[in-house]
Amino acid sequence: MSALLRDAQGATAIEYAMVAGGISVVILAVVNLLGTNVKSLFDQLPGLF
Protein backbone atom coordinates (compact mmCIF):
# COMPACT_ATOMS: atom_id res chain seq x y z
CA MET A 1 0.00 0.00 0.00
CA SER A 2 2.80 2.46 0.81
CA ALA A 3 4.40 1.84 -2.59
CA LEU A 4 1.14 2.85 -4.24
CA LEU A 5 1.04 6.10 -2.27
CA ARG A 6 4.64 6.96 -3.25
CA ASP A 7 3.98 6.38 -6.98
CA ALA A 8 3.94 9.78 -8.68
CA GLN A 9 3.72 8.70 -12.32
CA GLY A 10 -0.02 9.28 -12.53
CA ALA A 11 0.27 12.78 -11.08
CA THR A 12 3.11 13.60 -13.46
CA ALA A 13 1.07 12.45 -16.46
CA ILE A 14 -1.86 14.61 -15.35
CA GLU A 15 0.43 17.62 -14.94
CA TYR A 16 1.85 17.14 -18.42
CA ALA A 17 -1.68 16.84 -19.82
CA MET A 18 -2.69 20.08 -18.11
CA VAL A 19 0.36 21.90 -19.48
CA ALA A 20 -0.32 20.56 -22.99
CA GLY A 21 -3.96 21.63 -22.72
CA GLY A 22 -2.97 25.13 -21.64
CA ILE A 23 -0.48 25.46 -24.48
CA SER A 24 -3.07 24.30 -26.99
CA VAL A 25 -5.55 26.93 -25.78
CA VAL A 26 -2.91 29.65 -26.22
CA ILE A 27 -2.02 28.38 -29.71
CA LEU A 28 -5.68 28.36 -30.73
CA ALA A 29 -6.16 31.93 -29.49
CA VAL A 30 -3.07 33.18 -31.36
CA VAL A 31 -4.02 31.39 -34.59
CA ASN A 32 -7.55 32.79 -34.37
CA LEU A 33 -6.25 36.33 -33.87
CA LEU A 34 -3.63 36.07 -36.62
CA GLY A 35 -6.10 34.42 -38.98
CA THR A 36 -8.43 37.40 -38.72
CA ASN A 37 -5.58 39.84 -39.33
CA VAL A 38 -4.20 37.87 -42.27
CA LYS A 39 -7.67 37.61 -43.83
CA SER A 40 -8.15 41.37 -43.66
CA LEU A 41 -4.70 41.87 -45.20
CA PHE A 42 -5.54 39.60 -48.15
CA ASP A 43 -8.92 41.27 -48.54
CA GLN A 44 -7.13 44.61 -49.01
CA LEU A 45 -4.62 43.32 -51.59
CA PRO A 46 -6.83 43.54 -54.72
CA GLY A 47 -7.38 47.26 -54.08
CA LEU A 48 -3.64 47.90 -54.18
CA PHE A 49 -3.24 46.77 -57.79
PDB file of N, CA and C in Angstrom:
ATOM      1  N   MET A   1       0.828  -1.195   0.000  1.00  0.00           N
ATOM      2  CA  MET A   1       0.000   0.000   0.000  1.00  0.00           C
ATOM      3  C   MET A   1       0.871   1.258   0.000  1.00  0.00           C
ATOM      4  N   SER A   2       1.955   1.270   0.748  1.00  0.00           N
ATOM      5  CA  SER A   2       2.801   2.461   0.807  1.00  0.00           C
ATOM      6  C   SER A   2       3.496   2.716  -0.531  1.00  0.00           C
ATOM      7  N   ALA A   3       3.795   1.658  -1.270  1.00  0.00           N
ATOM      8  CA  ALA A   3       4.403   1.840  -2.592  1.00  0.00           C
ATOM      9  C   ALA A   3       3.424   2.535  -3.534  1.00  0.00           C
ATOM     10  N   LEU A   4       2.158   2.221  -3.403  1.00  0.00           N
ATOM     11  CA  LEU A   4       1.141   2.854  -4.238  1.00  0.00           C
ATOM     12  C   LEU A   4       1.017   4.345  -3.916  1.00  0.00           C
ATOM     13  N   LEU A   5       1.140   4.694  -2.658  1.00  0.00           N
ATOM     14  CA  LEU A   5       1.039   6.095  -2.265  1.00  0.00           C
ATOM     15  C   LEU A   5       2.250   6.906  -2.709  1.00  0.00           C
ATOM     16  N   ARG A   6       3.417   6.260  -2.833  1.00  0.00           N
ATOM     17  CA  ARG A   6       4.637   6.956  -3.254  1.00  0.00           C
ATOM     18  C   ARG A   6       4.753   7.068  -4.772  1.00  0.00           C
ATOM     19  N   ASP A   7       3.920   6.361  -5.525  1.00  0.00           N
ATOM     20  CA  ASP A   7       3.985   6.378  -6.980  1.00  0.00           C
ATOM     21  C   ASP A   7       3.461   7.719  -7.500  1.00  0.00           C
ATOM     22  N   ALA A   8       4.310   8.453  -8.197  1.00  0.00           N
ATOM     23  CA  ALA A   8       3.943   9.781  -8.680  1.00  0.00           C
ATOM     24  C   ALA A   8       3.773   9.823 -10.196  1.00  0.00           C
ATOM     25  N   GLN A   9       3.806   8.693 -10.858  1.00  0.00           N
ATOM     26  CA  GLN A   9       3.719   8.697 -12.318  1.00  0.00           C
ATOM     27  C   GLN A   9       2.364   9.191 -12.809  1.00  0.00           C
ATOM     28  N   GLY A  10       1.306   8.827 -12.125  1.00  0.00           N
ATOM     29  CA  GLY A  10      -0.023   9.279 -12.527  1.00  0.00           C
ATOM     30  C   GLY A  10      -0.165  10.785 -12.395  1.00  0.00           C
ATOM     31  N   ALA A  11       0.341  11.332 -11.295  1.00  0.00           N
ATOM     32  CA  ALA A  11       0.270  12.776 -11.084  1.00  0.00           C
ATOM     33  C   ALA A  11       1.100  13.510 -12.122  1.00  0.00           C
ATOM     34  N   THR A  12       2.262  12.966 -12.461  1.00  0.00           N
ATOM     35  CA  THR A  12       3.107  13.597 -13.463  1.00  0.00           C
ATOM     36  C   THR A  12       2.422  13.606 -14.821  1.00  0.00           C
ATOM     37  N   ALA A  13       1.775  12.517 -15.177  1.00  0.00           N
ATOM     38  CA  ALA A  13       1.069  12.445 -16.457  1.00  0.00           C
ATOM     39  C   ALA A  13      -0.069  13.462 -16.501  1.00  0.00           C
ATOM     40  N   ILE A  14      -0.775  13.633 -15.404  1.00  0.00           N
ATOM     41  CA  ILE A  14      -1.863  14.610 -15.348  1.00  0.00           C
ATOM     42  C   ILE A  14      -1.314  16.027 -15.473  1.00  0.00           C
ATOM     43  N   GLU A  15      -0.181  16.291 -14.838  1.00  0.00           N
ATOM     44  CA  GLU A  15       0.431  17.617 -14.935  1.00  0.00           C
ATOM     45  C   GLU A  15       0.852  17.915 -16.370  1.00  0.00           C
ATOM     46  N   TYR A  16       1.454  16.942 -17.028  1.00  0.00           N
ATOM     47  CA  TYR A  16       1.845  17.144 -18.423  1.00  0.00           C
ATOM     48  C   TYR A  16       0.616  17.370 -19.304  1.00  0.00           C
ATOM     49  N   ALA A  17      -0.457  16.655 -19.048  1.00  0.00           N
ATOM     50  CA  ALA A  17      -1.682  16.835 -19.818  1.00  0.00           C
ATOM     51  C   ALA A  17      -2.260  18.231 -19.605  1.00  0.00           C
ATOM     52  N   MET A  18      -2.194  18.737 -18.388  1.00  0.00           N
ATOM     53  CA  MET A  18      -2.691  20.083 -18.113  1.00  0.00           C
ATOM     54  C   MET A  18      -1.840  21.135 -18.803  1.00  0.00           C
ATOM     55  N   VAL A  19      -0.533  20.964 -18.796  1.00  0.00           N
ATOM     56  CA  VAL A  19       0.356  21.901 -19.482  1.00  0.00           C
ATOM     57  C   VAL A  19       0.089  21.873 -20.988  1.00  0.00           C
ATOM     58  N   ALA A  20      -0.048  20.679 -21.558  1.00  0.00           N
ATOM     59  CA  ALA A  20      -0.318  20.557 -22.987  1.00  0.00           C
ATOM     60  C   ALA A  20      -1.666  21.193 -23.333  1.00  0.00           C
ATOM     61  N   GLY A  21      -2.652  21.013 -22.491  1.00  0.00           N
ATOM     62  CA  GLY A  21      -3.958  21.634 -22.725  1.00  0.00           C
ATOM     63  C   GLY A  21      -3.881  23.151 -22.685  1.00  0.00           C
ATOM     64  N   GLY A  22      -3.142  23.680 -21.736  1.00  0.00           N
ATOM     65  CA  GLY A  22      -2.968  25.132 -21.641  1.00  0.00           C
ATOM     66  C   GLY A  22      -2.251  25.702 -22.851  1.00  0.00           C
ATOM     67  N   ILE A  23      -1.219  25.008 -23.297  1.00  0.00           N
ATOM     68  CA  ILE A  23      -0.481  25.457 -24.476  1.00  0.00           C
ATOM     69  C   ILE A  23      -1.376  25.423 -25.708  1.00  0.00           C
ATOM     70  N   SER A  24      -2.196  24.390 -25.825  1.00  0.00           N
ATOM     71  CA  SER A  24      -3.072  24.296 -26.988  1.00  0.00           C
ATOM     72  C   SER A  24      -4.107  25.418 -26.994  1.00  0.00           C
ATOM     73  N   VAL A  25      -4.597  25.822 -25.846  1.00  0.00           N
ATOM     74  CA  VAL A  25      -5.548  26.934 -25.778  1.00  0.00           C
ATOM     75  C   VAL A  25      -4.878  28.232 -26.236  1.00  0.00           C
ATOM     76  N   VAL A  26      -3.645  28.445 -25.808  1.00  0.00           N
ATOM     77  CA  VAL A  26      -2.906  29.648 -26.219  1.00  0.00           C
ATOM     78  C   VAL A  26      -2.661  29.633 -27.724  1.00  0.00           C
ATOM     79  N   ILE A  27      -2.269  28.482 -28.262  1.00  0.00           N
ATOM     80  CA  ILE A  27      -2.021  28.376 -29.707  1.00  0.00           C
ATOM     81  C   ILE A  27      -3.302  28.661 -30.484  1.00  0.00           C
ATOM     82  N   LEU A  28      -4.418  28.115 -30.044  1.00  0.00           N
ATOM     83  CA  LEU A  28      -5.684  28.362 -30.731  1.00  0.00           C
ATOM     84  C   LEU A  28      -6.062  29.847 -30.708  1.00  0.00           C
ATOM     85  N   ALA A  29      -5.842  30.505 -29.592  1.00  0.00           N
ATOM     86  CA  ALA A  29      -6.160  31.932 -29.495  1.00  0.00           C
ATOM     87  C   ALA A  29      -5.285  32.748 -30.436  1.00  0.00           C
ATOM     88  N   VAL A  30      -3.995  32.441 -30.491  1.00  0.00           N
ATOM     89  CA  VAL A  30      -3.074  33.177 -31.361  1.00  0.00           C
ATOM     90  C   VAL A  30      -3.409  32.937 -32.826  1.00  0.00           C
ATOM     91  N   VAL A  31      -3.677  31.695 -33.196  1.00  0.00           N
ATOM     92  CA  VAL A  31      -4.021  31.385 -34.585  1.00  0.00           C
ATOM     93  C   VAL A  31      -5.327  32.084 -34.974  1.00  0.00           C
ATOM     94  N   ASN A  32      -6.286  32.109 -34.086  1.00  0.00           N
ATOM     95  CA  ASN A  32      -7.550  32.787 -34.370  1.00  0.00           C
ATOM     96  C   ASN A  32      -7.319  34.280 -34.591  1.00  0.00           C
ATOM     97  N   LEU A  33      -6.529  34.901 -33.748  1.00  0.00           N
ATOM     98  CA  LEU A  33      -6.245  36.334 -33.872  1.00  0.00           C
ATOM     99  C   LEU A  33      -5.472  36.626 -35.154  1.00  0.00           C
ATOM    100  N   LEU A  34      -4.424  35.850 -35.418  1.00  0.00           N
ATOM    101  CA  LEU A  34      -3.631  36.070 -36.622  1.00  0.00           C
ATOM    102  C   LEU A  34      -4.431  35.759 -37.877  1.00  0.00           C
ATOM    103  N   GLY A  35      -5.277  34.767 -37.829  1.00  0.00           N
ATOM    104  CA  GLY A  35      -6.098  34.421 -38.983  1.00  0.00           C
ATOM    105  C   GLY A  35      -6.993  35.567 -39.393  1.00  0.00           C
ATOM    106  N   THR A  36      -7.578  36.248 -38.431  1.00  0.00           N
ATOM    107  CA  THR A  36      -8.428  37.398 -38.720  1.00  0.00           C
ATOM    108  C   THR A  36      -7.614  38.522 -39.341  1.00  0.00           C
ATOM    109  N   ASN A  37      -6.422  38.773 -38.797  1.00  0.00           N
ATOM    110  CA  ASN A  37      -5.577  39.836 -39.329  1.00  0.00           C
ATOM    111  C   ASN A  37      -5.073  39.503 -40.723  1.00  0.00           C
ATOM    112  N   VAL A  38      -4.702  38.269 -40.965  1.00  0.00           N
ATOM    113  CA  VAL A  38      -4.205  37.867 -42.274  1.00  0.00           C
ATOM    114  C   VAL A  38      -5.330  37.931 -43.303  1.00  0.00           C
ATOM    115  N   LYS A  39      -6.533  37.543 -42.912  1.00  0.00           N
ATOM    116  CA  LYS A  39      -7.669  37.606 -43.834  1.00  0.00           C
ATOM    117  C   LYS A  39      -7.933  39.048 -44.248  1.00  0.00           C
ATOM    118  N   SER A  40      -7.913  39.966 -43.313  1.00  0.00           N
ATOM    119  CA  SER A  40      -8.153  41.370 -43.662  1.00  0.00           C
ATOM    120  C   SER A  40      -7.030  41.910 -44.547  1.00  0.00           C
ATOM    121  N   LEU A  41      -5.813  41.451 -44.342  1.00  0.00           N
ATOM    122  CA  LEU A  41      -4.701  41.866 -45.196  1.00  0.00           C
ATOM    123  C   LEU A  41      -4.924  41.387 -46.627  1.00  0.00           C
ATOM    124  N   PHE A  42      -5.305  40.129 -46.810  1.00  0.00           N
ATOM    125  CA  PHE A  42      -5.537  39.595 -48.148  1.00  0.00           C
ATOM    126  C   PHE A  42      -6.782  40.213 -48.792  1.00  0.00           C
ATOM    127  N   ASP A  43      -7.753  40.615 -47.988  1.00  0.00           N
ATOM    128  CA  ASP A  43      -8.923  41.274 -48.537  1.00  0.00           C
ATOM    129  C   ASP A  43      -8.565  42.659 -49.093  1.00  0.00           C
ATOM    130  N   GLN A  44      -7.542  43.291 -48.552  1.00  0.00           N
ATOM    131  CA  GLN A  44      -7.128  44.610 -49.009  1.00  0.00           C
ATOM    132  C   GLN A  44      -6.192  44.555 -50.221  1.00  0.00           C
ATOM    133  N   LEU A  45      -5.588  43.429 -50.503  1.00  0.00           N
ATOM    134  CA  LEU A  45      -4.618  43.320 -51.593  1.00  0.00           C
ATOM    135  C   LEU A  45      -5.172  43.668 -52.973  1.00  0.00           C
ATOM    136  N   PRO A  46      -6.347  43.209 -53.373  1.00  0.00           N
ATOM    137  CA  PRO A  46      -6.831  43.543 -54.718  1.00  0.00           C
ATOM    138  C   PRO A  46      -6.962  45.058 -54.949  1.00  0.00           C
ATOM    139  N   GLY A  47      -7.253  45.800 -53.933  1.00  0.00           N
ATOM    140  CA  GLY A  47      -7.380  47.260 -54.083  1.00  0.00           C
ATOM    141  C   GLY A  47      -6.054  47.954 -54.317  1.00  0.00           C
ATOM    142  N   LEU A  48      -4.956  47.291 -54.005  1.00  0.00           N
ATOM    143  CA  LEU A  48      -3.638  47.897 -54.179  1.00  0.00           C
ATOM    144  C   LEU A  48      -3.144  47.834 -55.618  1.00  0.00           C
ATOM    145  N   PHE A  49      -3.726  46.939 -56.414  1.00  0.00           N
ATOM    146  CA  PHE A  49      -3.239  46.766 -57.789  1.00  0.00           C
ATOM    147  C   PHE A  49      -4.184  47.399 -58.743  1.00  0.00           C
TER     148      PHE A  49
END
